Amino acid sequence: MTEAIVFDTRRFIRRMTEAGFTERQAEALAEMYAALHKAKLAAEADKSWRSESTANPGG
């Protein structure tokens, strides 16, 4: 089973704006990072499910 990891978009946006990004740029980056993180978790869950299904084909 995979463990959920929280991505704090507010903190990310604040840190990016402190580093010189505009708020609009930081928001766009946060949106993309969140989507990538979600896709990675889905891929890991799928990989885990597939390996469990192969290891125990009878259910």
Protein backbone atom coordinates (compact mmCIF):
# COMPACT_ATOMS: atom_id res chain seq x y z
CA MET A 1 0.00 0.00 0.00
CA THR A 2 1.30 3.46 -0.85
CA GLU A 3 1.51 6.27 1.64
CA ALA A 4 -0.13 9.61 0.85
CA ILE A 5 2.15 12.64 0.90
CA VAL A 6 0.64 16.11 1.18
CA PHE A 7 1.79 18.80 -1.23
CA ASP A 8 1.30 22.19 0.42
CA THR A 9 0.53 24.49 -2.49
CA ARG A 10 0.23 27.61 -0.32
CA ARG A 11 3.68 27.04 1.14
CA PHE A 12 5.08 26.31 -2.31
CA ILE A 13 3.60 29.51 -3.77
CA ARG A 14 4.86 31.58 -0.85
CA ARG A 15 8.37 30.13 -1.23
CA MET A 16 8.43 30.73 -4.98
CA THR A 17 7.27 34.33 -4.63
CA GLU A 18 9.94 34.88 -1.95
CA ALA A 19 12.47 33.58 -4.49
CA GLY A 20 11.36 36.14 -7.08
CA PHE A 21 8.61 34.43 -9.06
CA THR A 22 5.42 36.36 -9.64
CA GLU A 23 2.35 35.00 -7.86
CA ARG A 24 0.91 33.96 -11.22
CA GLN A 25 4.08 32.04 -12.13
CA ALA A 26 4.20 30.40 -8.70
CA GLU A 27 0.55 29.35 -8.97
CA ALA A 28 1.16 27.80 -12.40
CA LEU A 29 4.18 25.89 -11.08
CA ALA A 30 2.25 24.69 -8.03
CA GLU A 31 -0.54 23.45 -10.28
CA MET A 32 1.92 21.50 -12.43
CA TYR A 33 3.81 20.04 -9.46
CA ALA A 34 0.53 18.93 -7.86
CA ALA A 35 -0.57 17.24 -11.11
CA LEU A 36 2.80 15.50 -11.48
CA HIS A 37 2.71 14.37 -7.87
CA LYS A 38 -0.81 12.99 -8.31
CA ALA A 39 0.22 11.15 -11.50
CA LYS A 40 3.27 9.68 -9.77
CA LEU A 41 1.16 8.40 -6.87
CA ALA A 42 -1.34 6.88 -9.30
CA ALA A 43 1.45 5.16 -11.23
CA GLU A 44 2.97 3.79 -8.02
CA ALA A 45 -0.41 2.50 -6.86
CA ASP A 46 -0.99 0.85 -10.23
CA LYS A 47 2.46 -0.74 -10.16
CA SER A 48 1.83 -2.01 -6.63
CA TRP A 49 -1.58 -3.39 -7.61
CA ARG A 50 -0.14 -5.15 -10.66
CA SER A 51 2.66 -6.78 -8.67
CA GLU A 52 0.18 -7.95 -6.00
CA SER A 53 -2.15 -9.34 -8.69
CA THR A 54 0.72 -11.23 -10.31
CA ALA A 55 1.95 -12.59 -6.98
CA ASN A 56 -1.54 -13.79 -6.01
CA PRO A 57 -3.45 -14.57 -9.23
CA GLY A 58 -6.22 -16.43 -7.40
CA GLY A 59 -7.31 -13.38 -5.46
